[in-house]
Amino acid sequence: LYRYEEIAQILTSDPDATAMDGVVWVEQLVADLMIPGLGSYGLTEADFPDLIQKAGQSSSMKGNPIKLTDEELAEILEKAI
């Protein structure tokens, strides 16, 4: 989680920022830029199994500092709709 704290400190220009401060900063940026959720692009819960399977096979997932379960990936997708 140190990496996320470091990123949060860079994003917020606050040397004491936590990883959660970084999350809040990104959420605010998404709101300010009015970035639509994935549902506006046609993504539905029916697409989750295929997306989760493909995500598990992707090289970018192998570089994550934390291994995500299929259930955690589904929760992330639900929030992104």
PDB file of N, CA and C in Angstrom:
ATOM      1  N   LEU A   1       0.818  -1.207   0.000  1.00  0.00           N
ATOM      2  CA  LEU A   1       0.000   0.000   0.000  1.00  0.00           C
ATOM      3  C   LEU A   1       0.855   1.262   0.000  1.00  0.00           C
ATOM      4  N   TYR A   2       2.136   1.109   0.289  1.00  0.00           N
ATOM      5  CA  TYR A   2       3.014   2.279   0.273  1.00  0.00           C
ATOM      6  C   TYR A   2       2.999   2.951  -1.090  1.00  0.00           C
ATOM      7  N   ARG A   3       2.966   2.153  -2.142  1.00  0.00           N
ATOM      8  CA  ARG A   3       2.954   2.716  -3.494  1.00  0.00           C
ATOM      9  C   ARG A   3       1.730   3.602  -3.703  1.00  0.00           C
ATOM     10  N   TYR A   4       0.591   3.183  -3.172  1.00  0.00           N
ATOM     11  CA  TYR A   4      -0.634   3.962  -3.329  1.00  0.00           C
ATOM     12  C   TYR A   4      -0.581   5.245  -2.507  1.00  0.00           C
ATOM     13  N   GLU A   5       0.036   5.173  -1.341  1.00  0.00           N
ATOM     14  CA  GLU A   5       0.201   6.392  -0.542  1.00  0.00           C
ATOM     15  C   GLU A   5       1.107   7.374  -1.266  1.00  0.00           C
ATOM     16  N   GLU A   6       2.167   6.866  -1.860  1.00  0.00           N
ATOM     17  CA  GLU A   6       3.085   7.729  -2.602  1.00  0.00           C
ATOM     18  C   GLU A   6       2.370   8.397  -3.779  1.00  0.00           C
ATOM     19  N   ILE A   7       1.562   7.643  -4.499  1.00  0.00           N
ATOM     20  CA  ILE A   7       0.792   8.211  -5.616  1.00  0.00           C
ATOM     21  C   ILE A   7      -0.192   9.256  -5.101  1.00  0.00           C
ATOM     22  N   ALA A   8      -0.870   8.958  -3.991  1.00  0.00           N
ATOM     23  CA  ALA A   8      -1.826   9.907  -3.411  1.00  0.00           C
ATOM     24  C   ALA A   8      -1.129  11.200  -3.023  1.00  0.00           C
ATOM     25  N   GLN A   9       0.066  11.094  -2.477  1.00  0.00           N
ATOM     26  CA  GLN A   9       0.812  12.283  -2.078  1.00  0.00           C
ATOM     27  C   GLN A   9       1.187  13.127  -3.288  1.00  0.00           C
ATOM     28  N   ILE A  10       1.505  12.481  -4.384  1.00  0.00           N
ATOM     29  CA  ILE A  10       1.817  13.206  -5.620  1.00  0.00           C
ATOM     30  C   ILE A  10       0.557  13.861  -6.185  1.00  0.00           C
ATOM     31  N   LEU A  11      -0.540  13.110  -6.262  1.00  0.00           N
ATOM     32  CA  LEU A  11      -1.782  13.639  -6.834  1.00  0.00           C
ATOM     33  C   LEU A  11      -2.339  14.811  -6.041  1.00  0.00           C
ATOM     34  N   THR A  12      -2.283  14.705  -4.721  1.00  0.00           N
ATOM     35  CA  THR A  12      -2.902  15.719  -3.871  1.00  0.00           C
ATOM     36  C   THR A  12      -1.950  16.830  -3.456  1.00  0.00           C
ATOM     37  N   SER A  13      -0.670  16.672  -3.754  1.00  0.00           N
ATOM     38  CA  SER A  13       0.368  17.615  -3.306  1.00  0.00           C
ATOM     39  C   SER A  13       0.408  17.722  -1.789  1.00  0.00           C
ATOM     40  N   ASP A  14       0.018  16.653  -1.117  1.00  0.00           N
ATOM     41  CA  ASP A  14       0.002  16.610   0.346  1.00  0.00           C
ATOM     42  C   ASP A  14       0.942  15.500   0.806  1.00  0.00           C
ATOM     43  N   PRO A  15       2.050  15.854   1.476  1.00  0.00           N
ATOM     44  CA  PRO A  15       3.008  14.827   1.900  1.00  0.00           C
ATOM     45  C   PRO A  15       2.451  13.850   2.931  1.00  0.00           C
ATOM     46  N   ASP A  16       1.316  14.177   3.534  1.00  0.00           N
ATOM     47  CA  ASP A  16       0.696  13.304   4.535  1.00  0.00           C
ATOM     48  C   ASP A  16      -0.505  12.532   3.986  1.00  0.00           C
ATOM     49  N   ALA A  17      -0.751  12.621   2.691  1.00  0.00           N
ATOM     50  CA  ALA A  17      -1.924  11.962   2.097  1.00  0.00           C
ATOM     51  C   ALA A  17      -1.823  10.446   2.235  1.00  0.00           C
ATOM     52  N   THR A  18      -2.984   9.834   2.441  1.00  0.00           N
ATOM     53  CA  THR A  18      -3.077   8.376   2.535  1.00  0.00           C
ATOM     54  C   THR A  18      -3.566   7.814   1.200  1.00  0.00           C
ATOM     55  N   ALA A  19      -3.544   6.501   1.094  1.00  0.00           N
ATOM     56  CA  ALA A  19      -4.066   5.861  -0.115  1.00  0.00           C
ATOM     57  C   ALA A  19      -5.530   6.246  -0.325  1.00  0.00           C
ATOM     58  N   MET A  20      -6.289   6.324   0.760  1.00  0.00           N
ATOM     59  CA  MET A  20      -7.709   6.686   0.643  1.00  0.00           C
ATOM     60  C   MET A  20      -7.871   8.120   0.145  1.00  0.00           C
ATOM     61  N   ASP A  21      -6.973   9.015   0.528  1.00  0.00           N
ATOM     62  CA  ASP A  21      -7.012  10.381  -0.004  1.00  0.00           C
ATOM     63  C   ASP A  21      -6.848  10.356  -1.525  1.00  0.00           C
ATOM     64  N   GLY A  22      -6.026   9.449  -2.014  1.00  0.00           N
ATOM     65  CA  GLY A  22      -5.857   9.300  -3.458  1.00  0.00           C
ATOM     66  C   GLY A  22      -7.125   8.810  -4.125  1.00  0.00           C
ATOM     67  N   VAL A  23      -7.815   7.885  -3.475  1.00  0.00           N
ATOM     68  CA  VAL A  23      -9.089   7.380  -4.000  1.00  0.00           C
ATOM     69  C   VAL A  23     -10.098   8.519  -4.092  1.00  0.00           C
ATOM     70  N   VAL A  24     -10.192   9.313  -3.038  1.00  0.00           N
ATOM     71  CA  VAL A  24     -11.125  10.445  -3.018  1.00  0.00           C
ATOM     72  C   VAL A  24     -10.772  11.435  -4.125  1.00  0.00           C
ATOM     73  N   TRP A  25      -9.489  11.686  -4.323  1.00  0.00           N
ATOM     74  CA  TRP A  25      -9.043  12.615  -5.360  1.00  0.00           C
ATOM     75  C   TRP A  25      -9.472  12.120  -6.739  1.00  0.00           C
ATOM     76  N   VAL A  26      -9.266  10.836  -7.006  1.00  0.00           N
ATOM     77  CA  VAL A  26      -9.644  10.270  -8.305  1.00  0.00           C
ATOM     78  C   VAL A  26     -11.161  10.303  -8.481  1.00  0.00           C
ATOM     79  N   GLU A  27     -11.913   9.957  -7.435  1.00  0.00           N
ATOM     80  CA  GLU A  27     -13.380  10.009  -7.521  1.00  0.00           C
ATOM     81  C   GLU A  27     -13.851  11.423  -7.839  1.00  0.00           C
ATOM     82  N   GLN A  28     -13.228  12.418  -7.227  1.00  0.00           N
ATOM     83  CA  GLN A  28     -13.612  13.803  -7.486  1.00  0.00           C
ATOM     84  C   GLN A  28     -13.267  14.200  -8.920  1.00  0.00           C
ATOM     85  N   LEU A  29     -12.124  13.750  -9.406  1.00  0.00           N
ATOM     86  CA  LEU A  29     -11.731  14.033 -10.788  1.00  0.00           C
ATOM     87  C   LEU A  29     -12.737  13.434 -11.770  1.00  0.00           C
ATOM     88  N   VAL A  30     -13.138  12.202 -11.528  1.00  0.00           N
ATOM     89  CA  VAL A  30     -14.135  11.542 -12.383  1.00  0.00           C
ATOM     90  C   VAL A  30     -15.439  12.342 -12.386  1.00  0.00           C
ATOM     91  N   ALA A  31     -15.847  12.809 -11.211  1.00  0.00           N
ATOM     92  CA  ALA A  31     -17.077  13.608 -11.119  1.00  0.00           C
ATOM     93  C   ALA A  31     -16.912  14.945 -11.833  1.00  0.00           C
ATOM     94  N   ASP A  32     -15.781  15.620 -11.605  1.00  0.00           N
ATOM     95  CA  ASP A  32     -15.545  16.925 -12.231  1.00  0.00           C
ATOM     96  C   ASP A  32     -15.523  16.831 -13.755  1.00  0.00           C
ATOM     97  N   LEU A  33     -14.952  15.744 -14.262  1.00  0.00           N
ATOM     98  CA  LEU A  33     -14.864  15.564 -15.714  1.00  0.00           C
ATOM     99  C   LEU A  33     -16.109  14.908 -16.304  1.00  0.00           C
ATOM    100  N   MET A  34     -17.063  14.560 -15.421  1.00  0.00           N
ATOM    101  CA  MET A  34     -18.313  13.921 -15.817  1.00  0.00           C
ATOM    102  C   MET A  34     -18.069  12.671 -16.670  1.00  0.00           C
ATOM    103  N   ILE A  35     -17.137  11.844 -16.220  1.00  0.00           N
ATOM    104  CA  ILE A  35     -16.841  10.593 -16.913  1.00  0.00           C
ATOM    105  C   ILE A  35     -17.979   9.619 -16.623  1.00  0.00           C
ATOM    106  N   PRO A  36     -18.629   9.104 -17.656  1.00  0.00           N
ATOM    107  CA  PRO A  36     -19.769   8.207 -17.433  1.00  0.00           C
ATOM    108  C   PRO A  36     -19.324   6.834 -16.939  1.00  0.00           C
ATOM    109  N   GLY A  37     -20.227   6.154 -16.268  1.00  0.00           N
ATOM    110  CA  GLY A  37     -19.962   4.792 -15.824  1.00  0.00           C
ATOM    111  C   GLY A  37     -19.915   3.832 -17.000  1.00  0.00           C
ATOM    112  N   LEU A  38     -19.416   2.636 -16.754  1.00  0.00           N
ATOM    113  CA  LEU A  38     -19.292   1.648 -17.825  1.00  0.00           C
ATOM    114  C   LEU A  38     -20.644   1.222 -18.390  1.00  0.00           C
ATOM    115  N   GLY A  39     -21.710   1.372 -17.612  1.00  0.00           N
ATOM    116  CA  GLY A  39     -23.046   1.038 -18.092  1.00  0.00           C
ATOM    117  C   GLY A  39     -23.459   1.883 -19.282  1.00  0.00           C
ATOM    118  N   SER A  40     -22.951   3.100 -19.352  1.00  0.00           N
ATOM    119  CA  SER A  40     -23.304   3.966 -20.478  1.00  0.00           C
ATOM    120  C   SER A  40     -22.685   3.475 -21.785  1.00  0.00           C
ATOM    121  N   TYR A  41     -21.745   2.547 -21.680  1.00  0.00           N
ATOM    122  CA  TYR A  41     -21.127   1.946 -22.864  1.00  0.00           C
ATOM    123  C   TYR A  41     -21.707   0.569 -23.165  1.00  0.00           C
ATOM    124  N   GLY A  42     -22.784   0.222 -22.448  1.00  0.00           N
ATOM    125  CA  GLY A  42     -23.470  -1.029 -22.715  1.00  0.00           C
ATOM    126  C   GLY A  42     -23.060  -2.197 -21.829  1.00  0.00           C
ATOM    127  N   LEU A  43     -22.158  -1.981 -20.884  1.00  0.00           N
ATOM    128  CA  LEU A  43     -21.734  -3.062 -19.997  1.00  0.00           C
ATOM    129  C   LEU A  43     -22.851  -3.414 -19.026  1.00  0.00           C
ATOM    130  N   THR A  44     -23.113  -4.710 -18.886  1.00  0.00           N
ATOM    131  CA  THR A  44     -24.108  -5.186 -17.927  1.00  0.00           C
ATOM    132  C   THR A  44     -23.480  -6.283 -17.074  1.00  0.00           C
ATOM    133  N   GLU A  45     -24.189  -6.666 -16.016  1.00  0.00           N
ATOM    134  CA  GLU A  45     -23.687  -7.731 -15.146  1.00  0.00           C
ATOM    135  C   GLU A  45     -23.531  -9.044 -15.904  1.00  0.00           C
ATOM    136  N   ALA A  46     -24.268  -9.228 -16.962  1.00  0.00           N
ATOM    137  CA  ALA A  46     -24.142 -10.444 -17.772  1.00  0.00           C
ATOM    138  C   ALA A  46     -22.758 -10.539 -18.420  1.00  0.00           C
ATOM    139  N   ASP A  47     -22.084  -9.401 -18.574  1.00  0.00           N
ATOM    140  CA  ASP A  47     -20.749  -9.375 -19.174  1.00  0.00           C
ATOM    141  C   ASP A  47     -19.644  -9.713 -18.170  1.00  0.00           C
ATOM    142  N   PHE A  48     -19.960  -9.687 -16.889  1.00  0.00           N
ATOM    143  CA  PHE A  48     -18.939  -9.841 -15.852  1.00  0.00           C
ATOM    144  C   PHE A  48     -18.129 -11.130 -15.954  1.00  0.00           C
ATOM    145  N   PRO A  49     -18.754 -12.298 -16.084  1.00  0.00           N
ATOM    146  CA  PRO A  49     -17.950 -13.533 -16.098  1.00  0.00           C
ATOM    147  C   PRO A  49     -16.864 -13.533 -17.178  1.00  0.00           C
ATOM    148  N   ASP A  50     -17.207 -13.094 -18.371  1.00  0.00           N
ATOM    149  CA  ASP A  50     -16.232 -13.061 -19.459  1.00  0.00           C
ATOM    150  C   ASP A  50     -15.131 -12.044 -19.168  1.00  0.00           C
ATOM    151  N   LEU A  51     -15.518 -10.866 -18.686  1.00  0.00           N
ATOM    152  CA  LEU A  51     -14.533  -9.836 -18.364  1.00  0.00           C
ATOM    153  C   LEU A  51     -13.591 -10.285 -17.254  1.00  0.00           C
ATOM    154  N   ILE A  52     -14.140 -10.918 -16.235  1.00  0.00           N
ATOM    155  CA  ILE A  52     -13.329 -11.380 -15.107  1.00  0.00           C
ATOM    156  C   ILE A  52     -12.354 -12.458 -15.567  1.00  0.00           C
ATOM    157  N   GLN A  53     -12.820 -13.368 -16.403  1.00  0.00           N
ATOM    158  CA  GLN A  53     -11.936 -14.417 -16.917  1.00  0.00           C
ATOM    159  C   GLN A  53     -10.796 -13.808 -17.731  1.00  0.00           C
ATOM    160  N   LYS A  54     -11.113 -12.874 -18.604  1.00  0.00           N
ATOM    161  CA  LYS A  54     -10.088 -12.239 -19.433  1.00  0.00           C
ATOM    162  C   LYS A  54      -9.140 -11.394 -18.591  1.00  0.00           C
ATOM    163  N   ALA A  55      -9.665 -10.730 -17.576  1.00  0.00           N
ATOM    164  CA  ALA A  55      -8.810  -9.933 -16.693  1.00  0.00           C
ATOM    165  C   ALA A  55      -7.806 -10.821 -15.971  1.00  0.00           C
ATOM    166  N   GLY A  56      -8.254 -11.985 -15.541  1.00  0.00           N
ATOM    167  CA  GLY A  56      -7.374 -12.909 -14.838  1.00  0.00           C
ATOM    168  C   GLY A  56      -6.235 -13.418 -15.696  1.00  0.00           C
ATOM    169  N   GLN A  57      -6.422 -13.405 -16.993  1.00  0.00           N
ATOM    170  CA  GLN A  57      -5.399 -13.885 -17.920  1.00  0.00           C
ATOM    171  C   GLN A  57      -4.497 -12.768 -18.442  1.00  0.00           C
ATOM    172  N   SER A  58      -4.842 -11.522 -18.151  1.00  0.00           N
ATOM    173  CA  SER A  58      -4.093 -10.403 -18.719  1.00  0.00           C
ATOM    174  C   SER A  58      -2.766 -10.187 -17.995  1.00  0.00           C
ATOM    175  N   SER A  59      -1.801  -9.697 -18.738  1.00  0.00           N
ATOM    176  CA  SER A  59      -0.485  -9.448 -18.147  1.00  0.00           C
ATOM    177  C   SER A  59      -0.535  -8.313 -17.131  1.00  0.00           C
ATOM    178  N   SER A  60      -1.439  -7.363 -17.311  1.00  0.00           N
ATOM    179  CA  SER A  60      -1.518  -6.243 -16.368  1.00  0.00           C
ATOM    180  C   SER A  60      -1.973  -6.696 -14.986  1.00  0.00           C
ATOM    181  N   MET A  61      -2.801  -7.720 -14.915  1.00  0.00           N
ATOM    182  CA  MET A  61      -3.249  -8.233 -13.614  1.00  0.00           C
ATOM    183  C   MET A  61      -2.099  -8.905 -12.873  1.00  0.00           C
ATOM    184  N   LYS A  62      -1.178  -9.475 -13.599  1.00  0.00           N
ATOM    185  CA  LYS A  62      -0.050 -10.156 -12.971  1.00  0.00           C
ATOM    186  C   LYS A  62       0.882  -9.169 -12.280  1.00  0.00           C
ATOM    187  N   GLY A  63       0.835  -7.900 -12.681  1.00  0.00           N
ATOM    188  CA  GLY A  63       1.685  -6.884 -12.075  1.00  0.00           C
ATOM    189  C   GLY A  63       1.057  -6.181 -10.892  1.00  0.00           C
ATOM    190  N   ASN A  64      -0.191  -6.497 -10.574  1.00  0.00           N
ATOM    191  CA  ASN A  64      -0.860  -5.858  -9.440  1.00  0.00           C
ATOM    192  C   ASN A  64      -0.192  -6.263  -8.135  1.00  0.00           C
ATOM    193  N   PRO A  65      -0.062  -5.325  -7.197  1.00  0.00           N
ATOM    194  CA  PRO A  65       0.546  -5.670  -5.909  1.00  0.00           C
ATOM    195  C   PRO A  65      -0.345  -6.566  -5.050  1.00  0.00           C
ATOM    196  N   ILE A  66      -1.639  -6.601  -5.351  1.00  0.00           N
ATOM    197  CA  ILE A  66      -2.584  -7.411  -4.581  1.00  0.00           C
ATOM    198  C   ILE A  66      -3.342  -8.312  -5.550  1.00  0.00           C
ATOM    199  N   LYS A  67      -3.415  -9.599  -5.238  1.00  0.00           N
ATOM    200  CA  LYS A  67      -4.183 -10.545  -6.068  1.00  0.00           C
ATOM    201  C   LYS A  67      -5.661 -10.378  -5.744  1.00  0.00           C
ATOM    202  N   LEU A  68      -6.454 -10.063  -6.754  1.00  0.00           N
ATOM    203  CA  LEU A  68      -7.890  -9.880  -6.571  1.00  0.00           C
ATOM    204  C   LEU A  68      -8.628 -11.170  -6.889  1.00  0.00           C
ATOM    205  N   THR A  69      -9.621 -11.478  -6.071  1.00  0.00           N
ATOM    206  CA  THR A  69     -10.464 -12.640  -6.332  1.00  0.00           C
ATOM    207  C   THR A  69     -11.500 -12.275  -7.395  1.00  0.00           C
ATOM    208  N   ASP A  70     -12.148 -13.289  -7.942  1.00  0.00           N
ATOM    209  CA  ASP A  70     -13.220 -13.035  -8.908  1.00  0.00           C
ATOM    210  C   ASP A  70     -14.332 -12.205  -8.275  1.00  0.00           C
ATOM    211  N   GLU A  71     -14.620 -12.461  -7.008  1.00  0.00           N
ATOM    212  CA  GLU A  71     -15.670 -11.712  -6.305  1.00  0.00           C
ATOM    213  C   GLU A  71     -15.280 -10.241  -6.161  1.00  0.00           C
ATOM    214  N   GLU A  72     -14.016  -9.975  -5.872  1.00  0.00           N
ATOM    215  CA  GLU A  72     -13.557  -8.586  -5.756  1.00  0.00           C
ATOM    216  C   GLU A  72     -13.610  -7.882  -7.105  1.00  0.00           C
ATOM    217  N   LEU A  73     -13.241  -8.583  -8.154  1.00  0.00           N
ATOM    218  CA  LEU A  73     -13.333  -7.998  -9.496  1.00  0.00           C
ATOM    219  C   LEU A  73     -14.783  -7.690  -9.860  1.00  0.00           C
ATOM    220  N   ALA A  74     -15.700  -8.588  -9.512  1.00  0.00           N
ATOM    221  CA  ALA A  74     -17.120  -8.353  -9.785  1.00  0.00           C
ATOM    222  C   ALA A  74     -17.614  -7.132  -9.019  1.00  0.00           C
ATOM    223  N   GLU A  75     -17.169  -6.970  -7.784  1.00  0.00           N
ATOM    224  CA  GLU A  75     -17.575  -5.807  -6.984  1.00  0.00           C
ATOM    225  C   GLU A  75     -17.062  -4.512  -7.612  1.00  0.00           C
ATOM    226  N   ILE A  76     -15.843  -4.535  -8.107  1.00  0.00           N
ATOM    227  CA  ILE A  76     -15.279  -3.360  -8.780  1.00  0.00           C
ATOM    228  C   ILE A  76     -16.098  -3.024 -10.021  1.00  0.00           C
ATOM    229  N   LEU A  77     -16.444  -4.037 -10.801  1.00  0.00           N
ATOM    230  CA  LEU A  77     -17.246  -3.806 -12.004  1.00  0.00           C
ATOM    231  C   LEU A  77     -18.626  -3.260 -11.656  1.00  0.00           C
ATOM    232  N   GLU A  78     -19.247  -3.789 -10.606  1.00  0.00           N
ATOM    233  CA  GLU A  78     -20.566  -3.298 -10.182  1.00  0.00           C
ATOM    234  C   GLU A  78     -20.504  -1.813  -9.849  1.00  0.00           C
ATOM    235  N   LYS A  79     -19.453  -1.398  -9.170  1.00  0.00           N
ATOM    236  CA  LYS A  79     -19.308   0.013  -8.801  1.00  0.00           C
ATOM    237  C   LYS A  79     -19.016   0.884 -10.016  1.00  0.00           C
ATOM    238  N   ALA A  80     -18.421   0.285 -11.052  1.00  0.00           N
ATOM    239  CA  ALA A  80     -18.049   1.046 -12.246  1.00  0.00           C
ATOM    240  C   ALA A  80     -19.196   1.217 -13.231  1.00  0.00           C
ATOM    241  N   ILE A  81     -20.290   0.483 -13.018  1.00  0.00           N
ATOM    242  CA  ILE A  81     -21.434   0.609 -13.921  1.00  0.00           C
ATOM    243  C   ILE A  81     -22.141   1.905 -13.590  1.00  0.00           C
TER     244      ILE A  81
END
